Amino acid sequence: MRGLVIVVILRPGTTTAVTRQGHLRLPAAIRRACHLATGARLLVAAYPDLGLLAVYTPAAFGAMLLAYHTALHTGAD
């Protein structure tokens, strides 16, 4: 798999997904399905108005940066 993005949606009445230390809690089933080790580094973008977090693996972020810079270099939109 080249890259992966996980979207966490806030549901009323659920527990907090981010700890006081700033760690994102993903259930083991999700970590297994996404092949993420406990403690894996992730890039998280918060969209509070939408009640969601977008979680990017390093591979996904790298693929996005490569696509962006390739588009800049080739002049593609």
N, C-alpha and C. Protein backbone atom coordinates (compact mmCIF):
# COMPACT_ATOMS: atom_id res chain seq x y z
N MET A 1 0.85 -1.18 0.00
CA MET A 1 0.00 0.00 0.00
C MET A 1 0.89 1.23 0.00
N ARG A 2 0.64 2.16 -0.89
CA ARG A 2 1.52 3.32 -1.02
C ARG A 2 1.27 4.36 0.06
N GLY A 3 0.04 4.60 0.40
CA GLY A 3 -0.27 5.60 1.41
C GLY A 3 -1.61 5.30 2.04
N LEU A 4 -1.86 5.95 3.14
CA LEU A 4 -3.09 5.67 3.85
C LEU A 4 -3.54 6.91 4.60
N VAL A 5 -4.83 7.16 4.55
CA VAL A 5 -5.43 8.25 5.32
C VAL A 5 -6.55 7.65 6.14
N ILE A 6 -6.59 7.99 7.41
CA ILE A 6 -7.64 7.54 8.31
C ILE A 6 -8.43 8.77 8.71
N VAL A 7 -9.74 8.69 8.67
CA VAL A 7 -10.59 9.81 9.09
C VAL A 7 -11.30 9.40 10.37
N VAL A 8 -11.13 10.23 11.42
CA VAL A 8 -11.76 10.00 12.71
C VAL A 8 -12.87 11.03 12.84
N ILE A 9 -14.10 10.55 13.01
CA ILE A 9 -15.27 11.43 13.10
C ILE A 9 -15.77 11.46 14.53
N LEU A 10 -15.98 12.67 15.03
CA LEU A 10 -16.50 12.84 16.38
C LEU A 10 -17.96 12.43 16.44
N ARG A 11 -18.27 11.56 17.38
CA ARG A 11 -19.66 11.17 17.61
C ARG A 11 -20.03 11.57 19.02
N PRO A 12 -21.16 12.25 19.20
CA PRO A 12 -21.58 12.65 20.55
C PRO A 12 -21.66 11.44 21.47
N GLY A 13 -21.17 11.62 22.69
CA GLY A 13 -21.24 10.56 23.68
C GLY A 13 -20.07 9.59 23.64
N THR A 14 -19.11 9.79 22.74
CA THR A 14 -17.95 8.89 22.68
C THR A 14 -16.82 9.47 23.51
N THR A 15 -15.84 8.63 23.83
CA THR A 15 -14.71 9.08 24.62
C THR A 15 -13.72 9.84 23.74
N THR A 16 -12.87 10.61 24.39
CA THR A 16 -11.87 11.41 23.68
C THR A 16 -10.85 10.52 23.00
N ALA A 17 -10.51 10.84 21.77
CA ALA A 17 -9.56 10.04 21.01
C ALA A 17 -8.14 10.54 21.18
N VAL A 18 -7.96 11.74 21.75
CA VAL A 18 -6.63 12.30 21.94
C VAL A 18 -6.37 12.41 23.44
N THR A 19 -5.23 11.88 23.89
CA THR A 19 -4.90 11.90 25.31
C THR A 19 -4.38 13.27 25.72
N ARG A 20 -4.21 13.47 27.01
CA ARG A 20 -3.66 14.73 27.52
C ARG A 20 -2.24 14.96 27.01
N GLN A 21 -1.54 13.87 26.72
CA GLN A 21 -0.17 13.98 26.20
C GLN A 21 -0.15 14.24 24.69
N GLY A 22 -1.33 14.32 24.07
CA GLY A 22 -1.41 14.58 22.64
C GLY A 22 -1.33 13.34 21.77
N HIS A 23 -1.46 12.17 22.38
CA HIS A 23 -1.44 10.92 21.62
C HIS A 23 -2.83 10.58 21.13
N LEU A 24 -2.92 10.18 19.89
CA LEU A 24 -4.19 9.79 19.29
C LEU A 24 -4.45 8.32 19.59
N ARG A 25 -5.59 8.02 20.16
CA ARG A 25 -5.94 6.64 20.46
C ARG A 25 -6.74 6.05 19.32
N LEU A 26 -6.15 5.09 18.65
CA LEU A 26 -6.85 4.35 17.60
C LEU A 26 -7.07 2.94 18.10
N PRO A 27 -8.28 2.42 17.98
CA PRO A 27 -8.53 1.05 18.42
C PRO A 27 -7.61 0.05 17.73
N ALA A 28 -7.29 -1.02 18.45
CA ALA A 28 -6.38 -2.04 17.92
C ALA A 28 -6.87 -2.59 16.57
N ALA A 29 -8.16 -2.76 16.41
CA ALA A 29 -8.70 -3.30 15.14
C ALA A 29 -8.36 -2.37 13.98
N ILE A 30 -8.42 -1.07 14.21
CA ILE A 30 -8.08 -0.10 13.15
C ILE A 30 -6.58 -0.13 12.88
N ARG A 31 -5.78 -0.16 13.97
CA ARG A 31 -4.32 -0.23 13.78
C ARG A 31 -3.92 -1.47 13.00
N ARG A 32 -4.53 -2.61 13.32
CA ARG A 32 -4.21 -3.85 12.59
C ARG A 32 -4.62 -3.74 11.12
N ALA A 33 -5.82 -3.24 10.87
CA ALA A 33 -6.31 -3.12 9.49
C ALA A 33 -5.44 -2.18 8.66
N CYS A 34 -4.85 -1.19 9.31
CA CYS A 34 -4.02 -0.20 8.61
C CYS A 34 -2.54 -0.52 8.70
N HIS A 35 -2.21 -1.64 9.34
CA HIS A 35 -0.81 -2.06 9.51
C HIS A 35 0.01 -1.00 10.24
N LEU A 36 -0.57 -0.44 11.31
CA LEU A 36 0.11 0.56 12.12
C LEU A 36 0.56 -0.06 13.42
N ALA A 37 1.81 0.15 13.78
CA ALA A 37 2.31 -0.32 15.06
C ALA A 37 1.90 0.66 16.15
N THR A 38 1.77 0.17 17.37
CA THR A 38 1.52 1.06 18.50
C THR A 38 2.67 2.05 18.56
N GLY A 39 2.35 3.32 18.70
CA GLY A 39 3.37 4.36 18.76
C GLY A 39 3.83 4.88 17.41
N ALA A 40 3.19 4.43 16.33
CA ALA A 40 3.57 4.89 14.99
C ALA A 40 3.39 6.40 14.89
N ARG A 41 4.28 7.04 14.20
CA ARG A 41 4.19 8.50 13.98
C ARG A 41 3.20 8.77 12.85
N LEU A 42 2.34 9.75 13.08
CA LEU A 42 1.31 10.11 12.11
C LEU A 42 1.19 11.62 12.03
N LEU A 43 0.75 12.12 10.90
CA LEU A 43 0.42 13.54 10.75
C LEU A 43 -1.09 13.66 10.92
N VAL A 44 -1.52 14.53 11.83
CA VAL A 44 -2.95 14.68 12.09
C VAL A 44 -3.37 16.11 11.77
N ALA A 45 -4.42 16.24 10.97
CA ALA A 45 -5.00 17.54 10.65
C ALA A 45 -6.40 17.59 11.26
N ALA A 46 -6.66 18.59 12.08
CA ALA A 46 -7.95 18.72 12.75
C ALA A 46 -8.86 19.66 11.98
N TYR A 47 -10.11 19.26 11.86
CA TYR A 47 -11.15 20.08 11.25
C TYR A 47 -12.28 20.21 12.28
N PRO A 48 -12.10 21.08 13.29
CA PRO A 48 -13.06 21.15 14.39
C PRO A 48 -14.48 21.51 13.96
N ASP A 49 -14.62 22.36 12.95
CA ASP A 49 -15.96 22.74 12.50
C ASP A 49 -16.71 21.54 11.92
N LEU A 50 -15.99 20.56 11.42
CA LEU A 50 -16.60 19.36 10.84
C LEU A 50 -16.62 18.21 11.83
N GLY A 51 -15.94 18.39 12.98
CA GLY A 51 -15.89 17.33 13.98
C GLY A 51 -15.08 16.13 13.51
N LEU A 52 -13.97 16.37 12.81
CA LEU A 52 -13.18 15.23 12.36
C LEU A 52 -11.70 15.52 12.39
N LEU A 53 -10.95 14.42 12.41
CA LEU A 53 -9.50 14.44 12.29
C LEU A 53 -9.13 13.64 11.06
N ALA A 54 -8.20 14.14 10.28
CA ALA A 54 -7.63 13.38 9.17
C ALA A 54 -6.25 12.93 9.63
N VAL A 55 -6.02 11.63 9.60
CA VAL A 55 -4.78 11.05 10.09
C VAL A 55 -4.03 10.46 8.90
N TYR A 56 -2.80 10.93 8.69
CA TYR A 56 -2.02 10.52 7.53
C TYR A 56 -0.80 9.72 7.98
N THR A 57 -0.57 8.60 7.35
CA THR A 57 0.64 7.84 7.59
C THR A 57 1.79 8.56 6.89
N PRO A 58 3.04 8.28 7.28
CA PRO A 58 4.16 8.89 6.58
C PRO A 58 4.14 8.59 5.08
N ALA A 59 3.73 7.38 4.69
CA ALA A 59 3.66 7.02 3.27
C ALA A 59 2.63 7.88 2.54
N ALA A 60 1.48 8.11 3.16
CA ALA A 60 0.45 8.93 2.53
C ALA A 60 0.93 10.36 2.38
N PHE A 61 1.55 10.90 3.42
CA PHE A 61 2.05 12.27 3.37
C PHE A 61 3.14 12.40 2.31
N GLY A 62 4.03 11.43 2.25
CA GLY A 62 5.08 11.45 1.24
C GLY A 62 4.51 11.40 -0.17
N ALA A 63 3.49 10.58 -0.38
CA ALA A 63 2.86 10.48 -1.70
C ALA A 63 2.19 11.80 -2.08
N MET A 64 1.55 12.46 -1.11
CA MET A 64 0.92 13.75 -1.38
C MET A 64 1.96 14.81 -1.74
N LEU A 65 3.06 14.84 -0.99
CA LEU A 65 4.12 15.81 -1.29
C LEU A 65 4.73 15.56 -2.66
N LEU A 66 4.96 14.29 -2.98
CA LEU A 66 5.52 13.95 -4.29
C LEU A 66 4.58 14.39 -5.41
N ALA A 67 3.29 14.13 -5.26
CA ALA A 67 2.30 14.52 -6.27
C ALA A 67 2.24 16.04 -6.41
N TYR A 68 2.29 16.74 -5.28
CA TYR A 68 2.25 18.20 -5.31
C TYR A 68 3.46 18.78 -6.03
N HIS A 69 4.63 18.31 -5.66
CA HIS A 69 5.85 18.85 -6.28
C HIS A 69 6.00 18.42 -7.73
N THR A 70 5.52 17.25 -8.06
CA THR A 70 5.53 16.81 -9.46
C THR A 70 4.62 17.72 -10.28
N ALA A 71 3.44 18.04 -9.73
CA ALA A 71 2.51 18.94 -10.43
C ALA A 71 3.12 20.32 -10.61
N LEU A 72 3.82 20.81 -9.58
CA LEU A 72 4.47 22.13 -9.69
C LEU A 72 5.53 22.10 -10.79
N HIS A 73 6.30 21.04 -10.82
CA HIS A 73 7.40 20.92 -11.79
C HIS A 73 6.88 20.80 -13.22
N THR A 74 5.80 20.06 -13.41
CA THR A 74 5.27 19.85 -14.75
C THR A 74 4.25 20.90 -15.16
N GLY A 75 3.81 21.72 -14.20
CA GLY A 75 2.83 22.74 -14.51
C GLY A 75 1.41 22.22 -14.57
N ALA A 76 1.20 20.97 -14.11
CA ALA A 76 -0.15 20.39 -14.10
C ALA A 76 -0.95 20.95 -12.96
N ASP A 77 -2.27 20.96 -13.11
CA ASP A 77 -3.16 21.43 -12.05
C ASP A 77 -3.61 20.29 -11.20
